[in-house]
Amino acid sequence: MKKPLLYITRKEHFNAAHKLYNPNWTIEQNDAVFGKCANANWHGHNFDLYVTVKGHPNPDTGFIIDLKQLKTLIHREVIEPLDHKNLNEDVPFLKGVLPSIENIATAIWERISSQLPNECKLHKILLYETEQNFVEYYGETEA
């Protein structure tokens, strides 16, 4: 009998401020590209994070991963460092990174993918910045 490959998702939430601003550009260039997001006084978002892992259910528990374990990992590696923080200034793992939603999602992937138990793999990071703006990341890179 084939073992089913299943996907399970944990939703979390955090609030954070950031500014989209390239220090190598003029104020005018930043305003033209980033608009209000380049505001010198920052701006904030209520982020919704969906972490999807894939794997085969354990025959003893029926779980791909114990969701309490996944919650603890996400809180330790993502929520605690990011919640109610200035993403440009307060988060060591984003130091020197323009904190666009795309770069935040990539950093979240890097923080948690290697810390999952061997029986499952990170499948997707889905990060909502607003109801209209979100990014999906599957860990894919190009050479």
N, C-alpha and C. Protein backbone atom coordinates (compact mmCIF):
# COMPACT_ATOMS: atom_id res chain seq x y z
N MET A 1 0.84 -1.18 0.00
CA MET A 1 0.00 0.00 0.00
C MET A 1 0.88 1.25 0.00
N LYS A 2 0.57 2.19 -0.85
CA LYS A 2 1.34 3.42 -0.92
C LYS A 2 1.03 4.31 0.27
N LYS A 3 2.08 4.97 0.78
CA LYS A 3 1.89 5.91 1.89
C LYS A 3 1.46 7.26 1.32
N PRO A 4 0.41 7.85 1.87
CA PRO A 4 -0.02 9.15 1.35
C PRO A 4 0.95 10.26 1.74
N LEU A 5 1.19 11.15 0.78
CA LEU A 5 1.97 12.36 1.04
C LEU A 5 0.96 13.47 1.31
N LEU A 6 1.02 14.00 2.52
CA LEU A 6 0.05 15.00 2.95
C LEU A 6 0.74 16.31 3.28
N TYR A 7 -0.05 17.37 3.29
CA TYR A 7 0.41 18.72 3.60
C TYR A 7 -0.43 19.24 4.75
N ILE A 8 0.23 19.85 5.72
CA ILE A 8 -0.49 20.45 6.85
C ILE A 8 0.06 21.85 7.08
N THR A 9 -0.83 22.77 7.44
CA THR A 9 -0.47 24.17 7.55
C THR A 9 -0.79 24.70 8.94
N ARG A 10 0.13 25.48 9.45
CA ARG A 10 -0.05 26.20 10.73
C ARG A 10 -0.11 27.69 10.41
N LYS A 11 -1.12 28.39 10.93
CA LYS A 11 -1.26 29.83 10.74
C LYS A 11 -0.80 30.54 12.01
N GLU A 12 -0.01 31.59 11.83
CA GLU A 12 0.43 32.45 12.93
C GLU A 12 0.28 33.90 12.51
N HIS A 13 0.50 34.80 13.43
CA HIS A 13 0.29 36.23 13.18
C HIS A 13 1.36 37.03 13.91
N PHE A 14 1.83 38.11 13.28
CA PHE A 14 2.70 39.04 13.97
C PHE A 14 2.50 40.43 13.40
N ASN A 15 2.85 41.42 14.20
CA ASN A 15 2.78 42.83 13.79
C ASN A 15 4.20 43.37 13.76
N ALA A 16 4.49 44.16 12.73
CA ALA A 16 5.83 44.72 12.64
C ALA A 16 5.81 45.97 11.77
N ALA A 17 6.82 46.80 11.98
CA ALA A 17 7.00 48.01 11.17
C ALA A 17 8.22 47.85 10.29
N HIS A 18 8.21 48.55 9.17
CA HIS A 18 9.38 48.56 8.30
C HIS A 18 9.31 49.77 7.39
N LYS A 19 10.39 49.94 6.66
CA LYS A 19 10.48 50.98 5.65
C LYS A 19 11.17 50.36 4.45
N LEU A 20 10.61 50.55 3.29
CA LEU A 20 11.26 50.10 2.07
C LEU A 20 12.04 51.28 1.53
N TYR A 21 13.36 51.15 1.56
CA TYR A 21 14.23 52.27 1.23
C TYR A 21 15.60 51.72 0.86
N ASN A 22 16.07 52.09 -0.30
CA ASN A 22 17.40 51.68 -0.73
C ASN A 22 18.37 52.83 -0.43
N PRO A 23 19.30 52.64 0.49
CA PRO A 23 20.20 53.75 0.87
C PRO A 23 21.13 54.20 -0.25
N ASN A 24 21.26 53.41 -1.30
CA ASN A 24 22.10 53.79 -2.43
C ASN A 24 21.37 54.70 -3.42
N TRP A 25 20.10 54.94 -3.20
CA TRP A 25 19.29 55.76 -4.08
C TRP A 25 19.01 57.12 -3.45
N THR A 26 18.59 58.04 -4.28
CA THR A 26 18.15 59.34 -3.79
C THR A 26 16.76 59.20 -3.16
N ILE A 27 16.38 60.21 -2.42
CA ILE A 27 15.03 60.23 -1.85
C ILE A 27 13.99 60.16 -2.97
N GLU A 28 14.26 60.85 -4.05
CA GLU A 28 13.32 60.85 -5.18
C GLU A 28 13.18 59.46 -5.81
N GLN A 29 14.30 58.75 -5.96
CA GLN A 29 14.24 57.39 -6.51
C GLN A 29 13.45 56.47 -5.60
N ASN A 30 13.72 56.57 -4.28
CA ASN A 30 13.01 55.74 -3.32
C ASN A 30 11.52 56.05 -3.35
N ASP A 31 11.17 57.32 -3.38
CA ASP A 31 9.75 57.69 -3.43
C ASP A 31 9.09 57.18 -4.70
N ALA A 32 9.81 57.25 -5.83
CA ALA A 32 9.24 56.80 -7.10
C ALA A 32 8.99 55.29 -7.10
N VAL A 33 9.88 54.52 -6.50
CA VAL A 33 9.75 53.06 -6.50
C VAL A 33 8.87 52.56 -5.36
N PHE A 34 9.10 53.06 -4.15
CA PHE A 34 8.43 52.52 -2.97
C PHE A 34 7.24 53.34 -2.49
N GLY A 35 7.09 54.56 -2.97
CA GLY A 35 5.95 55.40 -2.58
C GLY A 35 5.85 55.57 -1.08
N LYS A 36 4.63 55.41 -0.54
CA LYS A 36 4.40 55.59 0.90
C LYS A 36 5.21 54.61 1.75
N CYS A 37 5.60 53.51 1.17
CA CYS A 37 6.36 52.51 1.92
C CYS A 37 7.78 52.97 2.26
N ALA A 38 8.22 54.08 1.63
CA ALA A 38 9.53 54.66 1.93
C ALA A 38 9.42 55.76 2.98
N ASN A 39 8.29 55.88 3.62
CA ASN A 39 8.05 56.91 4.63
C ASN A 39 9.17 56.91 5.67
N ALA A 40 9.76 58.07 5.90
CA ALA A 40 10.87 58.19 6.85
C ALA A 40 10.47 57.77 8.26
N ASN A 41 9.18 57.82 8.56
CA ASN A 41 8.69 57.47 9.90
C ASN A 41 8.15 56.05 9.98
N TRP A 42 8.47 55.21 8.99
CA TRP A 42 8.10 53.80 8.98
C TRP A 42 6.61 53.63 8.72
N HIS A 43 6.20 52.40 8.60
CA HIS A 43 4.78 52.03 8.53
C HIS A 43 4.68 50.59 9.00
N GLY A 44 3.49 50.18 9.41
CA GLY A 44 3.34 48.86 9.99
C GLY A 44 2.33 47.99 9.27
N HIS A 45 2.43 46.69 9.55
CA HIS A 45 1.51 45.70 8.98
C HIS A 45 1.13 44.68 10.04
N ASN A 46 -0.03 44.09 9.85
CA ASN A 46 -0.48 42.95 10.61
C ASN A 46 -0.28 41.73 9.71
N PHE A 47 0.84 41.06 9.86
CA PHE A 47 1.22 39.95 8.99
C PHE A 47 0.52 38.66 9.40
N ASP A 48 0.04 37.91 8.43
CA ASP A 48 -0.44 36.55 8.65
C ASP A 48 0.53 35.60 7.95
N LEU A 49 0.99 34.62 8.70
CA LEU A 49 1.98 33.67 8.22
C LEU A 49 1.36 32.27 8.21
N TYR A 50 1.49 31.60 7.07
CA TYR A 50 1.06 30.22 6.93
C TYR A 50 2.29 29.38 6.60
N VAL A 51 2.56 28.40 7.44
CA VAL A 51 3.70 27.51 7.25
C VAL A 51 3.15 26.13 6.92
N THR A 52 3.48 25.64 5.72
CA THR A 52 2.98 24.33 5.27
C THR A 52 4.14 23.35 5.21
N VAL A 53 3.96 22.21 5.87
CA VAL A 53 4.94 21.14 5.81
C VAL A 53 4.30 19.93 5.13
N LYS A 54 5.15 19.08 4.57
CA LYS A 54 4.64 17.89 3.90
C LYS A 54 5.36 16.66 4.44
N GLY A 55 4.66 15.54 4.37
CA GLY A 55 5.25 14.30 4.82
C GLY A 55 4.22 13.19 4.85
N HIS A 56 4.65 12.07 5.35
CA HIS A 56 3.78 10.91 5.49
C HIS A 56 3.36 10.81 6.95
N PRO A 57 2.10 10.53 7.21
CA PRO A 57 1.66 10.41 8.60
C PRO A 57 2.39 9.28 9.32
N ASN A 58 2.77 9.56 10.55
CA ASN A 58 3.37 8.55 11.40
C ASN A 58 2.29 7.52 11.73
N PRO A 59 2.57 6.23 11.55
CA PRO A 59 1.53 5.22 11.81
C PRO A 59 1.09 5.18 13.28
N ASP A 60 1.93 5.60 14.20
CA ASP A 60 1.58 5.56 15.62
C ASP A 60 0.74 6.75 16.06
N THR A 61 0.93 7.92 15.40
CA THR A 61 0.22 9.12 15.83
C THR A 61 -0.77 9.64 14.79
N GLY A 62 -0.55 9.28 13.53
CA GLY A 62 -1.34 9.84 12.44
C GLY A 62 -0.87 11.22 12.03
N PHE A 63 0.17 11.74 12.68
CA PHE A 63 0.67 13.09 12.42
C PHE A 63 1.78 13.09 11.36
N ILE A 64 1.82 14.16 10.55
CA ILE A 64 3.00 14.48 9.76
C ILE A 64 4.03 15.09 10.70
N ILE A 65 3.54 15.98 11.55
CA ILE A 65 4.34 16.63 12.59
C ILE A 65 3.37 16.96 13.72
N ASP A 66 3.84 16.89 14.93
CA ASP A 66 3.05 17.33 16.07
C ASP A 66 2.90 18.84 15.95
N LEU A 67 1.68 19.33 15.81
CA LEU A 67 1.46 20.76 15.59
C LEU A 67 1.90 21.61 16.77
N LYS A 68 1.95 21.03 17.96
CA LYS A 68 2.51 21.78 19.10
C LYS A 68 4.00 22.04 18.87
N GLN A 69 4.68 21.04 18.33
CA GLN A 69 6.11 21.18 18.01
C GLN A 69 6.32 22.24 16.92
N LEU A 70 5.47 22.22 15.89
CA LEU A 70 5.58 23.21 14.82
C LEU A 70 5.29 24.61 15.35
N LYS A 71 4.27 24.73 16.19
CA LYS A 71 3.95 26.03 16.80
C LYS A 71 5.14 26.56 17.60
N THR A 72 5.74 25.73 18.40
CA THR A 72 6.89 26.14 19.21
C THR A 72 8.04 26.61 18.33
N LEU A 73 8.32 25.88 17.27
CA LEU A 73 9.39 26.24 16.34
C LEU A 73 9.11 27.59 15.68
N ILE A 74 7.90 27.78 15.18
CA ILE A 74 7.54 29.04 14.52
C ILE A 74 7.63 30.20 15.50
N HIS A 75 7.14 30.00 16.71
CA HIS A 75 7.19 31.09 17.69
C HIS A 75 8.63 31.45 18.05
N ARG A 76 9.47 30.46 18.25
CA ARG A 76 10.86 30.71 18.63
C ARG A 76 11.64 31.38 17.50
N GLU A 77 11.49 30.89 16.29
CA GLU A 77 12.32 31.33 15.18
C GLU A 77 11.76 32.51 14.39
N VAL A 78 10.45 32.75 14.49
CA VAL A 78 9.83 33.78 13.65
C VAL A 78 9.05 34.81 14.48
N ILE A 79 8.08 34.35 15.23
CA ILE A 79 7.17 35.28 15.91
C ILE A 79 7.92 36.10 16.97
N GLU A 80 8.64 35.45 17.85
CA GLU A 80 9.35 36.19 18.90
C GLU A 80 10.35 37.20 18.34
N PRO A 81 11.15 36.85 17.32
CA PRO A 81 12.08 37.85 16.79
C PRO A 81 11.42 38.98 15.99
N LEU A 82 10.23 38.75 15.41
CA LEU A 82 9.63 39.74 14.51
C LEU A 82 8.48 40.54 15.12
N ASP A 83 7.73 39.96 16.05
CA ASP A 83 6.51 40.59 16.52
C ASP A 83 6.79 41.90 17.25
N HIS A 84 6.09 42.95 16.83
CA HIS A 84 6.21 44.29 17.40
C HIS A 84 7.64 44.82 17.33
N LYS A 85 8.28 44.52 16.21
CA LYS A 85 9.66 44.98 15.99
C LYS A 85 9.71 45.87 14.75
N ASN A 86 10.79 46.64 14.67
CA ASN A 86 11.13 47.38 13.46
C ASN A 86 12.02 46.44 12.64
N LEU A 87 11.52 45.99 11.51
CA LEU A 87 12.24 44.98 10.73
C LEU A 87 13.54 45.50 10.15
N ASN A 88 13.66 46.81 9.97
CA ASN A 88 14.90 47.40 9.45
C ASN A 88 15.98 47.47 10.52
N GLU A 89 15.59 47.60 11.79
CA GLU A 89 16.57 47.90 12.83
C GLU A 89 16.68 46.89 13.96
N ASP A 90 15.63 46.14 14.24
CA ASP A 90 15.58 45.32 15.45
C ASP A 90 15.81 43.83 15.26
N VAL A 91 15.92 43.37 14.03
CA VAL A 91 15.94 41.92 13.77
C VAL A 91 17.30 41.52 13.19
N PRO A 92 18.14 40.86 13.99
CA PRO A 92 19.48 40.52 13.51
C PRO A 92 19.50 39.74 12.20
N PHE A 93 18.58 38.80 12.01
CA PHE A 93 18.64 38.00 10.79
C PHE A 93 18.15 38.75 9.55
N LEU A 94 17.64 39.97 9.72
CA LEU A 94 17.29 40.82 8.58
C LEU A 94 18.27 41.99 8.42
N LYS A 95 19.32 42.00 9.22
CA LYS A 95 20.31 43.07 9.16
C LYS A 95 20.89 43.17 7.74
N GLY A 96 20.85 44.36 7.17
CA GLY A 96 21.39 44.58 5.84
C GLY A 96 20.51 44.10 4.71
N VAL A 97 19.28 43.66 5.02
CA VAL A 97 18.35 43.15 4.03
C VAL A 97 17.19 44.13 3.91
N LEU A 98 16.84 44.54 2.70
CA LEU A 98 15.65 45.36 2.51
C LEU A 98 14.45 44.50 2.89
N PRO A 99 13.68 44.88 3.91
CA PRO A 99 12.64 43.98 4.41
C PRO A 99 11.34 44.02 3.60
N SER A 100 11.45 43.70 2.31
CA SER A 100 10.26 43.50 1.49
C SER A 100 9.59 42.21 1.93
N ILE A 101 8.35 42.06 1.58
CA ILE A 101 7.64 40.84 1.95
C ILE A 101 8.33 39.61 1.36
N GLU A 102 8.91 39.77 0.16
CA GLU A 102 9.62 38.66 -0.48
C GLU A 102 10.85 38.26 0.34
N ASN A 103 11.62 39.24 0.78
CA ASN A 103 12.83 38.95 1.56
C ASN A 103 12.48 38.42 2.95
N ILE A 104 11.40 38.89 3.53
CA ILE A 104 10.97 38.38 4.84
C ILE A 104 10.59 36.91 4.71
N ALA A 105 9.82 36.56 3.68
CA ALA A 105 9.42 35.16 3.48
C ALA A 105 10.62 34.25 3.29
N THR A 106 11.59 34.71 2.51
CA THR A 106 12.81 33.92 2.29
C THR A 106 13.56 33.71 3.61
N ALA A 107 13.67 34.77 4.41
CA ALA A 107 14.36 34.66 5.70
C ALA A 107 13.63 33.71 6.65
N ILE A 108 12.31 33.75 6.63
CA ILE A 108 11.53 32.83 7.47
C ILE A 108 11.80 31.39 7.03
N TRP A 109 11.81 31.14 5.73
CA TRP A 109 12.12 29.80 5.23
C TRP A 109 13.47 29.33 5.78
N GLU A 110 14.47 30.18 5.66
CA GLU A 110 15.81 29.82 6.12
C GLU A 110 15.85 29.54 7.61
N ARG A 111 15.04 30.26 8.38
CA ARG A 111 15.02 30.09 9.83
C ARG A 111 14.43 28.74 10.25
N ILE A 112 13.42 28.25 9.52
CA ILE A 112 12.74 27.07 10.03
C ILE A 112 12.97 25.79 9.22
N SER A 113 13.37 25.90 7.96
CA SER A 113 13.43 24.69 7.13
C SER A 113 14.40 23.63 7.67
N SER A 114 15.54 24.06 8.16
CA SER A 114 16.53 23.08 8.63
C SER A 114 16.23 22.57 10.04
N GLN A 115 15.25 23.15 10.71
CA GLN A 115 14.97 22.75 12.09
C GLN A 115 13.77 21.83 12.23
N LEU A 116 13.17 21.48 11.11
CA LEU A 116 12.04 20.56 11.16
C LEU A 116 12.54 19.14 11.37
N PRO A 117 11.74 18.29 11.99
CA PRO A 117 12.16 16.89 12.15
C PRO A 117 12.32 16.22 10.79
N ASN A 118 13.15 15.20 10.74
CA ASN A 118 13.48 14.52 9.48
C ASN A 118 12.27 13.94 8.77
N GLU A 119 11.21 13.62 9.49
CA GLU A 119 10.07 12.96 8.86
C GLU A 119 9.19 13.91 8.03
N CYS A 120 9.49 15.19 8.07
CA CYS A 120 8.71 16.13 7.24
C CYS A 120 9.64 17.18 6.65
N LYS A 121 9.12 17.85 5.63
CA LYS A 121 9.87 18.89 4.93
C LYS A 121 9.01 20.14 4.83
N LEU A 122 9.66 21.29 4.85
CA LEU A 122 8.95 22.53 4.64
C LEU A 122 8.52 22.58 3.17
N HIS A 123 7.25 22.85 2.94
CA HIS A 123 6.71 22.90 1.58
C HIS A 123 6.52 24.34 1.10
N LYS A 124 5.95 25.19 1.99
CA LYS A 124 5.61 26.54 1.53
C LYS A 124 5.54 27.50 2.71
N ILE A 125 6.00 28.72 2.45
CA ILE A 125 5.75 29.86 3.32
C ILE A 125 4.80 30.77 2.56
N LEU A 126 3.69 31.08 3.17
CA LEU A 126 2.72 32.03 2.62
C LEU A 126 2.63 33.17 3.62
N LEU A 127 2.98 34.37 3.19
CA LEU A 127 3.02 35.51 4.09
C LEU A 127 2.16 36.63 3.52
N TYR A 128 1.13 36.98 4.29
CA TYR A 128 0.25 38.10 3.94
C TYR A 128 0.74 39.35 4.64
N GLU A 129 0.99 40.39 3.85
CA GLU A 129 1.31 41.71 4.38
C GLU A 129 0.03 42.51 4.55
N THR A 130 -0.86 42.38 3.58
CA THR A 130 -2.22 42.94 3.63
C THR A 130 -3.13 41.89 3.00
N GLU A 131 -4.42 42.15 3.02
CA GLU A 131 -5.34 41.21 2.36
C GLU A 131 -5.09 41.15 0.86
N GLN A 132 -4.54 42.22 0.31
CA GLN A 132 -4.31 42.29 -1.12
C GLN A 132 -2.89 41.87 -1.53
N ASN A 133 -1.93 41.91 -0.61
CA ASN A 133 -0.53 41.65 -0.94
C ASN A 133 0.00 40.47 -0.12
N PHE A 134 0.42 39.45 -0.82
CA PHE A 134 1.00 38.29 -0.15
C PHE A 134 2.02 37.63 -1.07
N VAL A 135 2.88 36.84 -0.47
CA VAL A 135 3.92 36.14 -1.22
C VAL A 135 3.90 34.66 -0.81
N GLU A 136 4.21 33.80 -1.78
CA GLU A 136 4.38 32.38 -1.54
C GLU A 136 5.82 32.02 -1.87
N TYR A 137 6.45 31.23 -1.01
CA TYR A 137 7.81 30.79 -1.28
C TYR A 137 7.90 29.30 -1.02
N TYR A 138 8.47 28.59 -2.00
CA TYR A 138 8.59 27.13 -1.95
C TYR A 138 10.04 26.68 -1.78
N GLY A 139 10.94 27.60 -1.45
CA GLY A 139 12.32 27.25 -1.25
C GLY A 139 13.13 27.10 -2.53
N GLU A 140 12.53 27.47 -3.64
CA GLU A 140 13.21 27.31 -4.92
C GLU A 140 14.20 28.46 -5.15
N THR A 141 15.34 28.11 -5.72
CA THR A 141 16.35 29.10 -6.07
C THR A 141 16.85 28.82 -7.48
N GLU A 142 17.43 29.82 -8.08
CA GLU A 142 18.05 29.65 -9.39
C GLU A 142 19.54 29.89 -9.25
N ALA A 143 20.31 29.16 -10.03
CA ALA A 143 21.77 29.32 -9.99
C ALA A 143 22.18 30.59 -10.68
